[in-house]
Amino acid sequence: WPTYGFPLFIFFAFIPLLIAEFNIRNHSKSWVKLKVFGVS
C-alpha cells in the first residue's frame, strides 16, 4: 500500500488467504464458515 509500499506484492497478496479458504473448505468438517470468516 502507498505511500511506503511496493504494489507488485498486491498481485500475490490474496493467494495465501485463498489457499487457507481452500484448505478449510476441503478438509475441515466442523465450524467451516466460522473458520473461513476467522482467517479472512
PDB file of all heavy atoms in Angstrom:
ATOM      1  N   TRP A   1       0.810  -1.222   0.000  1.00  0.00           N
ATOM      2  CA  TRP A   1       0.000   0.000   0.000  1.00  0.00           C
ATOM      3  C   TRP A   1       0.842   1.270   0.000  1.00  0.00           C
ATOM      4  O   TRP A   1       1.911   1.332   0.599  1.00  0.00           O
ATOM      5  CB  TRP A   1      -0.944  -0.003   1.207  1.00  0.00           C
ATOM      6  CG  TRP A   1      -2.235   0.671   0.855  1.00  0.00           C
ATOM      7  CD1 TRP A   1      -2.667   1.900   1.237  1.00  0.00           C
ATOM      8  CD2 TRP A   1      -3.219   0.152  -0.031  1.00  0.00           C
ATOM      9  NE1 TRP A   1      -3.885   2.177   0.651  1.00  0.00           N
ATOM     10  CE2 TRP A   1      -4.243   1.122  -0.131  1.00  0.00           C
ATOM     11  CE3 TRP A   1      -3.347  -1.031  -0.754  1.00  0.00           C
ATOM     12  CZ2 TRP A   1      -5.385   0.937  -0.920  1.00  0.00           C
ATOM     13  CZ3 TRP A   1      -4.468  -1.227  -1.535  1.00  0.00           C
ATOM     14  CH2 TRP A   1      -5.469  -0.249  -1.609  1.00  0.00           C
ATOM     15  N   PRO A   2       0.342   2.309  -0.695  1.00  0.00           N
ATOM     16  CA  PRO A   2       1.030   3.596  -0.660  1.00  0.00           C
ATOM     17  C   PRO A   2       0.917   4.223   0.742  1.00  0.00           C
ATOM     18  O   PRO A   2      -0.014   3.921   1.480  1.00  0.00           O
ATOM     19  CB  PRO A   2       0.259   4.430  -1.696  1.00  0.00           C
ATOM     20  CG  PRO A   2      -1.088   3.788  -1.814  1.00  0.00           C
ATOM     21  CD  PRO A   2      -0.874   2.339  -1.544  1.00  0.00           C
ATOM     22  N   THR A   3       1.892   5.037   1.104  1.00  0.00           N
ATOM     23  CA  THR A   3       2.909   5.567   0.221  1.00  0.00           C
ATOM     24  C   THR A   3       4.256   4.873   0.406  1.00  0.00           C
ATOM     25  O   THR A   3       5.213   5.151  -0.315  1.00  0.00           O
ATOM     26  CB  THR A   3       3.080   7.079   0.478  1.00  0.00           C
ATOM     27  OG1 THR A   3       3.440   7.274   1.848  1.00  0.00           O
ATOM     28  CG2 THR A   3       1.795   7.826   0.209  1.00  0.00           C
ATOM     29  N   TYR A   4       4.333   3.972   1.378  1.00  0.00           N
ATOM     30  CA  TYR A   4       5.608   3.317   1.688  1.00  0.00           C
ATOM     31  C   TYR A   4       5.786   1.999   0.954  1.00  0.00           C
ATOM     32  O   TYR A   4       6.889   1.477   0.855  1.00  0.00           O
ATOM     33  CB  TYR A   4       5.689   3.039   3.198  1.00  0.00           C
ATOM     34  CG  TYR A   4       4.472   2.332   3.726  1.00  0.00           C
ATOM     35  CD1 TYR A   4       4.300   0.962   3.538  1.00  0.00           C
ATOM     36  CD2 TYR A   4       3.458   3.040   4.368  1.00  0.00           C
ATOM     37  CE1 TYR A   4       3.169   0.312   3.984  1.00  0.00           C
ATOM     38  CE2 TYR A   4       2.317   2.393   4.826  1.00  0.00           C
ATOM     39  CZ  TYR A   4       2.183   1.030   4.629  1.00  0.00           C
ATOM     40  OH  TYR A   4       1.048   0.389   5.068  1.00  0.00           O
ATOM     41  N   GLY A   5       4.700   1.410   0.441  1.00  0.00           N
ATOM     42  CA  GLY A   5       4.743   0.047  -0.081  1.00  0.00           C
ATOM     43  C   GLY A   5       5.117  -0.036  -1.551  1.00  0.00           C
ATOM     44  O   GLY A   5       5.277   0.973  -2.249  1.00  0.00           O
ATOM     45  N   PHE A   6       5.224  -1.274  -2.014  1.00  0.00           N
ATOM     46  CA  PHE A   6       5.534  -1.567  -3.421  1.00  0.00           C
ATOM     47  C   PHE A   6       4.400  -2.407  -3.991  1.00  0.00           C
ATOM     48  O   PHE A   6       4.156  -3.527  -3.528  1.00  0.00           O
ATOM     49  CB  PHE A   6       6.857  -2.309  -3.523  1.00  0.00           C
ATOM     50  CG  PHE A   6       7.289  -2.566  -4.937  1.00  0.00           C
ATOM     51  CD1 PHE A   6       7.309  -1.539  -5.885  1.00  0.00           C
ATOM     52  CD2 PHE A   6       7.687  -3.837  -5.330  1.00  0.00           C
ATOM     53  CE1 PHE A   6       7.713  -1.785  -7.196  1.00  0.00           C
ATOM     54  CE2 PHE A   6       8.091  -4.088  -6.636  1.00  0.00           C
ATOM     55  CZ  PHE A   6       8.104  -3.050  -7.567  1.00  0.00           C
ATOM     56  N   PRO A   7       3.672  -1.886  -4.980  1.00  0.00           N
ATOM     57  CA  PRO A   7       2.424  -2.535  -5.399  1.00  0.00           C
ATOM     58  C   PRO A   7       2.579  -3.867  -6.104  1.00  0.00           C
ATOM     59  O   PRO A   7       1.579  -4.560  -6.307  1.00  0.00           O
ATOM     60  CB  PRO A   7       1.789  -1.488  -6.331  1.00  0.00           C
ATOM     61  CG  PRO A   7       2.917  -0.654  -6.809  1.00  0.00           C
ATOM     62  CD  PRO A   7       3.902  -0.611  -5.680  1.00  0.00           C
ATOM     63  N   LEU A   8       3.792  -4.260  -6.467  1.00  0.00           N
ATOM     64  CA  LEU A   8       3.949  -5.577  -7.087  1.00  0.00           C
ATOM     65  C   LEU A   8       3.473  -6.686  -6.159  1.00  0.00           C
ATOM     66  O   LEU A   8       2.948  -7.709  -6.613  1.00  0.00           O
ATOM     67  CB  LEU A   8       5.417  -5.801  -7.469  1.00  0.00           C
ATOM     68  CG  LEU A   8       5.704  -7.059  -8.295  1.00  0.00           C
ATOM     69  CD1 LEU A   8       5.010  -7.005  -9.648  1.00  0.00           C
ATOM     70  CD2 LEU A   8       7.210  -7.244  -8.471  1.00  0.00           C
ATOM     71  N   PHE A   9       3.600  -6.485  -4.853  1.00  0.00           N
ATOM     72  CA  PHE A   9       3.169  -7.509  -3.883  1.00  0.00           C
ATOM     73  C   PHE A   9       1.664  -7.757  -3.933  1.00  0.00           C
ATOM     74  O   PHE A   9       1.201  -8.843  -3.575  1.00  0.00           O
ATOM     75  CB  PHE A   9       3.561  -7.090  -2.471  1.00  0.00           C
ATOM     76  CG  PHE A   9       5.038  -7.073  -2.219  1.00  0.00           C
ATOM     77  CD1 PHE A   9       5.688  -5.894  -1.892  1.00  0.00           C
ATOM     78  CD2 PHE A   9       5.787  -8.230  -2.305  1.00  0.00           C
ATOM     79  CE1 PHE A   9       7.054  -5.869  -1.654  1.00  0.00           C
ATOM     80  CE2 PHE A   9       7.160  -8.228  -2.074  1.00  0.00           C
ATOM     81  CZ  PHE A   9       7.793  -7.032  -1.746  1.00  0.00           C
ATOM     82  N   ILE A  10       0.888  -6.765  -4.365  1.00  0.00           N
ATOM     83  CA  ILE A  10      -0.570  -6.893  -4.361  1.00  0.00           C
ATOM     84  C   ILE A  10      -1.043  -7.988  -5.312  1.00  0.00           C
ATOM     85  O   ILE A  10      -2.102  -8.579  -5.112  1.00  0.00           O
ATOM     86  CB  ILE A  10      -1.247  -5.549  -4.726  1.00  0.00           C
ATOM     87  CG1 ILE A  10      -2.720  -5.518  -4.273  1.00  0.00           C
ATOM     88  CG2 ILE A  10      -1.172  -5.262  -6.211  1.00  0.00           C
ATOM     89  CD1 ILE A  10      -2.920  -5.307  -2.825  1.00  0.00           C
ATOM     90  N   PHE A  11      -0.222  -8.274  -6.342  1.00  0.00           N
ATOM     91  CA  PHE A  11      -0.606  -9.301  -7.313  1.00  0.00           C
ATOM     92  C   PHE A  11      -0.540 -10.715  -6.737  1.00  0.00           C
ATOM     93  O   PHE A  11      -1.013 -11.671  -7.373  1.00  0.00           O
ATOM     94  CB  PHE A  11       0.281  -9.210  -8.552  1.00  0.00           C
ATOM     95  CG  PHE A  11       0.079  -7.944  -9.349  1.00  0.00           C
ATOM     96  CD1 PHE A  11       1.094  -7.004  -9.463  1.00  0.00           C
ATOM     97  CD2 PHE A  11      -1.131  -7.691  -9.981  1.00  0.00           C
ATOM     98  CE1 PHE A  11       0.917  -5.845 -10.198  1.00  0.00           C
ATOM     99  CE2 PHE A  11      -1.320  -6.526 -10.718  1.00  0.00           C
ATOM    100  CZ  PHE A  11      -0.299  -5.606 -10.819  1.00  0.00           C
ATOM    101  N   PHE A  12       0.049 -10.863  -5.568  1.00  0.00           N
ATOM    102  CA  PHE A  12       0.172 -12.178  -4.936  1.00  0.00           C
ATOM    103  C   PHE A  12      -0.385 -12.174  -3.507  1.00  0.00           C
ATOM    104  O   PHE A  12      -0.342 -13.201  -2.829  1.00  0.00           O
ATOM    105  CB  PHE A  12       1.647 -12.607  -4.915  1.00  0.00           C
ATOM    106  CG  PHE A  12       2.327 -12.438  -6.238  1.00  0.00           C
ATOM    107  CD1 PHE A  12       3.119 -11.326  -6.497  1.00  0.00           C
ATOM    108  CD2 PHE A  12       2.150 -13.375  -7.249  1.00  0.00           C
ATOM    109  CE1 PHE A  12       3.734 -11.153  -7.733  1.00  0.00           C
ATOM    110  CE2 PHE A  12       2.765 -13.213  -8.481  1.00  0.00           C
ATOM    111  CZ  PHE A  12       3.553 -12.095  -8.728  1.00  0.00           C
ATOM    112  N   ALA A  13      -0.916 -11.035  -3.075  1.00  0.00           N
ATOM    113  CA  ALA A  13      -1.274 -10.867  -1.667  1.00  0.00           C
ATOM    114  C   ALA A  13      -2.465 -11.714  -1.229  1.00  0.00           C
ATOM    115  O   ALA A  13      -2.540 -12.145  -0.081  1.00  0.00           O
ATOM    116  CB  ALA A  13      -1.553  -9.387  -1.384  1.00  0.00           C
ATOM    117  N   PHE A  14      -3.414 -11.949  -2.126  1.00  0.00           N
ATOM    118  CA  PHE A  14      -4.605 -12.715  -1.752  1.00  0.00           C
ATOM    119  C   PHE A  14      -4.391 -14.228  -1.823  1.00  0.00           C
ATOM    120  O   PHE A  14      -5.222 -14.997  -1.335  1.00  0.00           O
ATOM    121  CB  PHE A  14      -5.783 -12.335  -2.644  1.00  0.00           C
ATOM    122  CG  PHE A  14      -6.362 -10.979  -2.344  1.00  0.00           C
ATOM    123  CD1 PHE A  14      -6.055  -9.890  -3.134  1.00  0.00           C
ATOM    124  CD2 PHE A  14      -7.213 -10.796  -1.263  1.00  0.00           C
ATOM    125  CE1 PHE A  14      -6.577  -8.636  -2.863  1.00  0.00           C
ATOM    126  CE2 PHE A  14      -7.742  -9.544  -0.977  1.00  0.00           C
ATOM    127  CZ  PHE A  14      -7.425  -8.456  -1.776  1.00  0.00           C
ATOM    128  N   ILE A  15      -3.301 -14.656  -2.437  1.00  0.00           N
ATOM    129  CA  ILE A  15      -3.103 -16.094  -2.682  1.00  0.00           C
ATOM    130  C   ILE A  15      -3.037 -16.906  -1.391  1.00  0.00           C
ATOM    131  O   ILE A  15      -3.704 -17.948  -1.274  1.00  0.00           O
ATOM    132  CB  ILE A  15      -1.854 -16.315  -3.566  1.00  0.00           C
ATOM    133  CG1 ILE A  15      -2.092 -15.716  -4.954  1.00  0.00           C
ATOM    134  CG2 ILE A  15      -1.533 -17.809  -3.669  1.00  0.00           C
ATOM    135  CD1 ILE A  15      -0.857 -15.649  -5.813  1.00  0.00           C
ATOM    136  N   PRO A  16      -2.265 -16.499  -0.377  1.00  0.00           N
ATOM    137  CA  PRO A  16      -2.262 -17.292   0.859  1.00  0.00           C
ATOM    138  C   PRO A  16      -3.649 -17.417   1.489  1.00  0.00           C
ATOM    139  O   PRO A  16      -4.008 -18.498   1.980  1.00  0.00           O
ATOM    140  CB  PRO A  16      -1.310 -16.507   1.774  1.00  0.00           C
ATOM    141  CG  PRO A  16      -0.414 -15.750   0.837  1.00  0.00           C
ATOM    142  CD  PRO A  16      -1.277 -15.385  -0.326  1.00  0.00           C
ATOM    143  N   LEU A  17      -4.427 -16.351   1.466  1.00  0.00           N
ATOM    144  CA  LEU A  17      -5.782 -16.408   2.028  1.00  0.00           C
ATOM    145  C   LEU A  17      -6.672 -17.335   1.209  1.00  0.00           C
ATOM    146  O   LEU A  17      -7.484 -18.088   1.768  1.00  0.00           O
ATOM    147  CB  LEU A  17      -6.379 -15.005   2.086  1.00  0.00           C
ATOM    148  CG  LEU A  17      -7.797 -14.885   2.665  1.00  0.00           C
ATOM    149  CD1 LEU A  17      -7.843 -15.425   4.093  1.00  0.00           C
ATOM    150  CD2 LEU A  17      -8.273 -13.435   2.625  1.00  0.00           C
ATOM    151  N   LEU A  18      -6.538 -17.305  -0.099  1.00  0.00           N
ATOM    152  CA  LEU A  18      -7.300 -18.212  -0.958  1.00  0.00           C
ATOM    153  C   LEU A  18      -6.931 -19.665  -0.690  1.00  0.00           C
ATOM    154  O   LEU A  18      -7.796 -20.561  -0.696  1.00  0.00           O
ATOM    155  CB  LEU A  18      -7.066 -17.856  -2.427  1.00  0.00           C
ATOM    156  CG  LEU A  18      -7.689 -16.541  -2.919  1.00  0.00           C
ATOM    157  CD1 LEU A  18      -7.102 -16.147  -4.273  1.00  0.00           C
ATOM    158  CD2 LEU A  18      -9.201 -16.659  -3.000  1.00  0.00           C
ATOM    159  N   ILE A  19      -5.654 -19.914  -0.451  1.00  0.00           N
ATOM    160  CA  ILE A  19      -5.222 -21.275  -0.120  1.00  0.00           C
ATOM    161  C   ILE A  19      -5.806 -21.715   1.220  1.00  0.00           C
ATOM    162  O   ILE A  19      -6.269 -22.854   1.375  1.00  0.00           O
ATOM    163  CB  ILE A  19      -3.675 -21.351  -0.093  1.00  0.00           C
ATOM    164  CG1 ILE A  19      -3.109 -21.150  -1.506  1.00  0.00           C
ATOM    165  CG2 ILE A  19      -3.212 -22.682   0.484  1.00  0.00           C
ATOM    166  CD1 ILE A  19      -1.587 -21.040  -1.543  1.00  0.00           C
ATOM    167  N   ALA A  20      -5.801 -20.800   2.190  1.00  0.00           N
ATOM    168  CA  ALA A  20      -6.367 -21.126   3.501  1.00  0.00           C
ATOM    169  C   ALA A  20      -7.848 -21.469   3.377  1.00  0.00           C
ATOM    170  O   ALA A  20      -8.324 -22.456   3.974  1.00  0.00           O
ATOM    171  CB  ALA A  20      -6.172 -19.954   4.462  1.00  0.00           C
ATOM    172  N   GLU A  21      -8.591 -20.689   2.608  1.00  0.00           N
ATOM    173  CA  GLU A  21     -10.018 -20.973   2.407  1.00  0.00           C
ATOM    174  C   GLU A  21     -10.203 -22.313   1.723  1.00  0.00           C
ATOM    175  O   GLU A  21     -11.078 -23.110   2.104  1.00  0.00           O
ATOM    176  CB  GLU A  21     -10.657 -19.853   1.579  1.00  0.00           C
ATOM    177  CG  GLU A  21     -12.153 -19.960   1.406  1.00  0.00           C
ATOM    178  CD  GLU A  21     -12.585 -20.937   0.312  1.00  0.00           C
ATOM    179  OE1 GLU A  21     -11.807 -21.102  -0.669  1.00  0.00           O
ATOM    180  OE2 GLU A  21     -13.685 -21.529   0.435  1.00  0.00           O
ATOM    181  N   PHE A  22      -9.393 -22.618   0.732  1.00  0.00           N
ATOM    182  CA  PHE A  22      -9.478 -23.882   0.010  1.00  0.00           C
ATOM    183  C   PHE A  22      -9.215 -25.058   0.963  1.00  0.00           C
ATOM    184  O   PHE A  22      -9.918 -26.077   0.923  1.00  0.00           O
ATOM    185  CB  PHE A  22      -8.481 -23.891  -1.145  1.00  0.00           C
ATOM    186  CG  PHE A  22      -8.516 -25.135  -1.979  1.00  0.00           C
ATOM    187  CD1 PHE A  22      -9.422 -25.268  -3.011  1.00  0.00           C
ATOM    188  CD2 PHE A  22      -7.636 -26.182  -1.716  1.00  0.00           C
ATOM    189  CE1 PHE A  22      -9.460 -26.428  -3.779  1.00  0.00           C
ATOM    190  CE2 PHE A  22      -7.660 -27.347  -2.484  1.00  0.00           C
ATOM    191  CZ  PHE A  22      -8.579 -27.462  -3.516  1.00  0.00           C
ATOM    192  N   ASN A  23      -8.208 -24.907   1.810  1.00  0.00           N
ATOM    193  CA  ASN A  23      -7.888 -25.969   2.778  1.00  0.00           C
ATOM    194  C   ASN A  23      -9.062 -26.206   3.736  1.00  0.00           C
ATOM    195  O   ASN A  23      -9.439 -27.354   4.012  1.00  0.00           O
ATOM    196  CB  ASN A  23      -6.645 -25.601   3.577  1.00  0.00           C
ATOM    197  CG  ASN A  23      -5.378 -25.639   2.741  1.00  0.00           C
ATOM    198  OD1 ASN A  23      -5.352 -26.251   1.669  1.00  0.00           O
ATOM    199  ND2 ASN A  23      -4.340 -24.980   3.219  1.00  0.00           N
ATOM    200  N   ILE A  24      -9.624 -25.136   4.252  1.00  0.00           N
ATOM    201  CA  ILE A  24     -10.738 -25.257   5.192  1.00  0.00           C
ATOM    202  C   ILE A  24     -11.954 -25.874   4.508  1.00  0.00           C
ATOM    203  O   ILE A  24     -12.615 -26.768   5.055  1.00  0.00           O
ATOM    204  CB  ILE A  24     -11.092 -23.875   5.778  1.00  0.00           C
ATOM    205  CG1 ILE A  24      -9.946 -23.355   6.636  1.00  0.00           C
ATOM    206  CG2 ILE A  24     -12.384 -23.952   6.601  1.00  0.00           C
ATOM    207  CD1 ILE A  24     -10.083 -21.902   7.038  1.00  0.00           C
ATOM    208  N   ARG A  25     -12.224 -25.420   3.300  1.00  0.00           N
ATOM    209  CA  ARG A  25     -13.399 -25.909   2.571  1.00  0.00           C
ATOM    210  C   ARG A  25     -13.304 -27.405   2.285  1.00  0.00           C
ATOM    211  O   ARG A  25     -14.311 -28.122   2.295  1.00  0.00           O
ATOM    212  CB  ARG A  25     -13.535 -25.136   1.251  1.00  0.00           C
ATOM    213  CG  ARG A  25     -14.759 -25.526   0.451  1.00  0.00           C
ATOM    214  CD  ARG A  25     -14.897 -24.789  -0.873  1.00  0.00           C
ATOM    215  NE  ARG A  25     -13.917 -23.825  -1.215  1.00  0.00           N
ATOM    216  CZ  ARG A  25     -13.322 -23.752  -2.401  1.00  0.00           C
ATOM    217  NH1 ARG A  25     -13.572 -24.680  -3.337  1.00  0.00           N
ATOM    218  NH2 ARG A  25     -12.456 -22.792  -2.669  1.00  0.00           N
ATOM    219  N   ASN A  26     -12.110 -27.900   2.026  1.00  0.00           N
ATOM    220  CA  ASN A  26     -11.962 -29.288   1.598  1.00  0.00           C
ATOM    221  C   ASN A  26     -11.530 -30.248   2.699  1.00  0.00           C
ATOM    222  O   ASN A  26     -11.632 -31.469   2.515  1.00  0.00           O
ATOM    223  CB  ASN A  26     -10.949 -29.360   0.448  1.00  0.00           C
ATOM    224  CG  ASN A  26     -11.501 -28.807  -0.841  1.00  0.00           C
ATOM    225  OD1 ASN A  26     -12.227 -29.489  -1.562  1.00  0.00           O
ATOM    226  ND2 ASN A  26     -11.172 -27.544  -1.130  1.00  0.00           N
ATOM    227  N   HIS A  27     -11.061 -29.711   3.825  1.00  0.00           N
ATOM    228  CA  HIS A  27     -10.532 -30.605   4.845  1.00  0.00           C
ATOM    229  C   HIS A  27     -11.169 -30.436   6.224  1.00  0.00           C
ATOM    230  O   HIS A  27     -11.033 -31.332   7.062  1.00  0.00           O
ATOM    231  CB  HIS A  27      -9.011 -30.435   4.970  1.00  0.00           C
ATOM    232  CG  HIS A  27      -8.279 -30.675   3.691  1.00  0.00           C
ATOM    233  ND1 HIS A  27      -8.268 -31.892   3.050  1.00  0.00           N
ATOM    234  CD2 HIS A  27      -7.554 -29.835   2.898  1.00  0.00           C
ATOM    235  CE1 HIS A  27      -7.558 -31.806   1.933  1.00  0.00           C
ATOM    236  NE2 HIS A  27      -7.121 -30.564   1.811  1.00  0.00           N
ATOM    237  N   SER A  28     -11.838 -29.322   6.463  1.00  0.00           N
ATOM    238  CA  SER A  28     -12.483 -29.131   7.767  1.00  0.00           C
ATOM    239  C   SER A  28     -13.882 -29.715   7.741  1.00  0.00           C
ATOM    240  O   SER A  28     -14.604 -29.591   6.750  1.00  0.00           O
ATOM    241  CB  SER A  28     -12.537 -27.642   8.123  1.00  0.00           C
ATOM    242  OG  SER A  28     -11.252 -27.141   8.360  1.00  0.00           O
ATOM    243  N   LYS A  29     -14.296 -30.307   8.849  1.00  0.00           N
ATOM    244  CA  LYS A  29     -15.618 -30.941   8.921  1.00  0.00           C
ATOM    245  C   LYS A  29     -16.570 -30.202   9.863  1.00  0.00           C
ATOM    246  O   LYS A  29     -17.755 -30.507   9.894  1.00  0.00           O
ATOM    247  CB  LYS A  29     -15.476 -32.397   9.350  1.00  0.00           C
ATOM    248  CG  LYS A  29     -14.654 -33.234   8.387  1.00  0.00           C
ATOM    249  CD  LYS A  29     -14.696 -34.692   8.752  1.00  0.00           C
ATOM    250  CE  LYS A  29     -13.816 -35.522   7.824  1.00  0.00           C
ATOM    251  NZ  LYS A  29     -14.264 -35.446   6.428  1.00  0.00           N
ATOM    252  N   SER A  30     -16.068 -29.258  10.636  1.00  0.00           N
ATOM    253  CA  SER A  30     -16.928 -28.531  11.568  1.00  0.00           C
ATOM    254  C   SER A  30     -16.532 -27.055  11.611  1.00  0.00           C
ATOM    255  O   SER A  30     -15.368 -26.709  11.358  1.00  0.00           O
ATOM    256  CB  SER A  30     -16.824 -29.132  12.973  1.00  0.00           C
ATOM    257  OG  SER A  30     -15.491 -29.050  13.452  1.00  0.00           O
ATOM    258  N   TRP A  31     -17.505 -26.235  11.921  1.00  0.00           N
ATOM    259  CA  TRP A  31     -17.287 -24.791  12.038  1.00  0.00           C
ATOM    260  C   TRP A  31     -16.596 -24.208  10.792  1.00  0.00           C
ATOM    261  O   TRP A  31     -15.744 -23.324  10.887  1.00  0.00           O
ATOM    262  CB  TRP A  31     -16.451 -24.454  13.281  1.00  0.00           C
ATOM    263  CG  TRP A  31     -17.009 -24.994  14.550  1.00  0.00           C
ATOM    264  CD1 TRP A  31     -16.630 -26.132  15.196  1.00  0.00           C
ATOM    265  CD2 TRP A  31     -18.058 -24.422  15.336  1.00  0.00           C
ATOM    266  NE1 TRP A  31     -17.369 -26.319  16.345  1.00  0.00           N
ATOM    267  CE2 TRP A  31     -18.255 -25.270  16.466  1.00  0.00           C
ATOM    268  CE3 TRP A  31     -18.842 -23.272  15.201  1.00  0.00           C
ATOM    269  CZ2 TRP A  31     -19.211 -25.013  17.436  1.00  0.00           C
ATOM    270  CZ3 TRP A  31     -19.790 -23.011  16.185  1.00  0.00           C
ATOM    271  CH2 TRP A  31     -19.969 -23.874  17.275  1.00  0.00           C
ATOM    272  N   VAL A  32     -16.972 -24.706   9.649  1.00  0.00           N
ATOM    273  CA  VAL A  32     -16.270 -24.339   8.416  1.00  0.00           C
ATOM    274  C   VAL A  32     -16.421 -22.846   8.111  1.00  0.00           C
ATOM    275  O   VAL A  32     -15.436 -22.135   7.862  1.00  0.00           O
ATOM    276  CB  VAL A  32     -16.786 -25.186   7.228  1.00  0.00           C
ATOM    277  CG1 VAL A  32     -16.129 -24.731   5.928  1.00  0.00           C
ATOM    278  CG2 VAL A  32     -16.499 -26.664   7.483  1.00  0.00           C
ATOM    279  N   LYS A  33     -17.657 -22.353   8.123  1.00  0.00           N
ATOM    280  CA  LYS A  33     -17.888 -20.936   7.813  1.00  0.00           C
ATOM    281  C   LYS A  33     -17.197 -20.031   8.826  1.00  0.00           C
ATOM    282  O   LYS A  33     -16.625 -18.995   8.470  1.00  0.00           O
ATOM    283  CB  LYS A  33     -19.386 -20.630   7.762  1.00  0.00           C
ATOM    284  CG  LYS A  33     -20.137 -21.263   6.613  1.00  0.00           C
ATOM    285  CD  LYS A  33     -21.572 -20.767   6.576  1.00  0.00           C
ATOM    286  CE  LYS A  33     -22.356 -21.362   5.406  1.00  0.00           C
ATOM    287  NZ  LYS A  33     -22.629 -22.786   5.600  1.00  0.00           N
ATOM    288  N   LEU A  34     -17.259 -20.419  10.077  1.00  0.00           N
ATOM    289  CA  LEU A  34     -16.629 -19.621  11.118  1.00  0.00           C
ATOM    290  C   LEU A  34     -15.115 -19.570  10.939  1.00  0.00           C
ATOM    291  O   LEU A  34     -14.481 -18.520  11.139  1.00  0.00           O
ATOM    292  CB  LEU A  34     -16.971 -20.198  12.494  1.00  0.00           C
ATOM    293  CG  LEU A  34     -16.476 -19.393  13.711  1.00  0.00           C
ATOM    294  CD1 LEU A  34     -17.082 -17.994  13.711  1.00  0.00           C
ATOM    295  CD2 LEU A  34     -16.803 -20.125  15.002  1.00  0.00           C
ATOM    296  N   LYS A  35     -14.519 -20.688  10.549  1.00  0.00           N
ATOM    297  CA  LYS A  35     -13.069 -20.715  10.314  1.00  0.00           C
ATOM    298  C   LYS A  35     -12.681 -19.839   9.125  1.00  0.00           C
ATOM    299  O   LYS A  35     -11.679 -19.116   9.177  1.00  0.00           O
ATOM    300  CB  LYS A  35     -12.611 -22.153  10.080  1.00  0.00           C
ATOM    301  CG  LYS A  35     -12.652 -23.026  11.320  1.00  0.00           C
ATOM    302  CD  LYS A  35     -12.257 -24.465  11.002  1.00  0.00           C
ATOM    303  CE  LYS A  35     -12.330 -25.347  12.238  1.00  0.00           C
ATOM    304  NZ  LYS A  35     -12.018 -26.762  11.936  1.00  0.00           N
ATOM    305  N   VAL A  36     -13.484 -19.903   8.056  1.00  0.00           N
ATOM    306  CA  VAL A  36     -13.215 -19.044   6.889  1.00  0.00           C
ATOM    307  C   VAL A  36     -13.331 -17.578   7.275  1.00  0.00           C
ATOM    308  O   VAL A  36     -12.485 -16.750   6.915  1.00  0.00           O
ATOM    309  CB  VAL A  36     -14.180 -19.384   5.733  1.00  0.00           C
ATOM    310  CG1 VAL A  36     -14.079 -18.340   4.621  1.00  0.00           C
ATOM    311  CG2 VAL A  36     -13.882 -20.770   5.188  1.00  0.00           C
ATOM    312  N   PHE A  37     -14.382 -17.273   8.013  1.00  0.00           N
ATOM    313  CA  PHE A  37     -14.549 -15.894   8.463  1.00  0.00           C
ATOM    314  C   PHE A  37     -13.380 -15.463   9.343  1.00  0.00           C
ATOM    315  O   PHE A  37     -12.864 -14.341   9.227  1.00  0.00           O
ATOM    316  CB  PHE A  37     -15.868 -15.739   9.230  1.00  0.00           C
ATOM    317  CG  PHE A  37     -16.122 -14.340   9.711  1.00  0.00           C
ATOM    318  CD1 PHE A  37     -16.674 -13.389   8.875  1.00  0.00           C
ATOM    319  CD2 PHE A  37     -15.792 -13.976  11.016  1.00  0.00           C
ATOM    320  CE1 PHE A  37     -16.887 -12.096   9.323  1.00  0.00           C
ATOM    321  CE2 PHE A  37     -16.007 -12.688  11.468  1.00  0.00           C
ATOM    322  CZ  PHE A  37     -16.557 -11.751  10.619  1.00  0.00           C
ATOM    323  N   GLY A  38     -12.931 -16.352  10.208  1.00  0.00           N
ATOM    324  CA  GLY A  38     -11.846 -16.013  11.124  1.00  0.00           C
ATOM    325  C   GLY A  38     -10.537 -15.710  10.422  1.00  0.00           C
ATOM    326  O   GLY A  38      -9.880 -14.701  10.713  1.00  0.00           O
ATOM    327  N   VAL A  39     -10.140 -16.585   9.475  1.00  0.00           N
ATOM    328  CA  VAL A  39      -8.867 -16.345   8.781  1.00  0.00           C
ATOM    329  C   VAL A  39      -8.946 -15.108   7.895  1.00  0.00           C
ATOM    330  O   VAL A  39      -7.977 -14.339   7.789  1.00  0.00           O
ATOM    331  CB  VAL A  39      -8.423 -17.578   7.961  1.00  0.00           C
ATOM    332  CG1 VAL A  39      -8.116 -18.751   8.861  1.00  0.00           C
ATOM    333  CG2 VAL A  39      -9.443 -17.960   6.898  1.00  0.00           C
ATOM    334  N   SER A  40     -10.095 -14.886   7.264  1.00  0.00           N
ATOM    335  CA  SER A  40     -10.223 -13.702   6.409  1.00  0.00           C
ATOM    336  C   SER A  40     -10.225 -12.429   7.256  1.00  0.00           C
ATOM    337  O   SER A  40      -9.599 -11.430   6.888  1.00  0.00           O
ATOM    338  CB  SER A  40     -11.495 -13.782   5.555  1.00  0.00           C
ATOM    339  OG  SER A  40     -12.663 -13.838   6.354  1.00  0.00           O
TER     340      SER A  40
END
